[in-house]
Amino acid sequence: MDSIRKVLPTRQVRIWTILLVGLTSTYAGAYMPADFLNTSFWTILVVLSYLMAPWTAINLTDFFLVRRGHYSIREMFSRAGIYGNWNMRGIVAYLVTFAIMIPFMILPFYTGPVAAALGGVDIAFFVGIPVGGILYWVLCQSMDMKAERAIVDKADANLDADAKPIS
């Protein structure tokens, strides 16, 4: 189950997904321009690093500093659980961090003012990691972690007893 609807990964869904990805990749590889790896692909990787920097910082901060590794497996799959559908603190931290990163970015179609002032040095990723982590940590200071840990311990009691082997 994801946060929108139930997902049932049947054999037929997996086969069609593999075929679709394979055909799309083959088509893309056959018809990409010759300089794709030097321009477009580089741009895609840079944009992905911009998108991943805040996300990585938020996840690491949540795991190591906020929840300290205490998560409830059962509660993750419950819409009415302690985690809910969306972590608004995480979303706010992500969006604000991404906005803060923009002046530090360099792309073929945009150069941020700070990156230009640094002589064309792109440090957006290195800004996004600490800003995202610190901002998320600050936003989480109002959370009652003792109460959450008690819920986690209760919800996951006997979790191993309920486990079934994967077939």
Foldseek 3Di string as FASTA:
>chain_A
DALPDDDDDDPVNVVVVVVVVVVVVVVCVVPPDPCCVVAVVVQVVQVVLLQVLLVVLLVVLCCCPNQVPQDAPVQVPDCPHPCHNDDVLSVVLSVVLSVVLVLLDDHPVDHHVVCVVVVNDRCSSVSSNVSSNVSSVVSSPPPDNVVVNVVRCVNCVCVVVPDDDDD
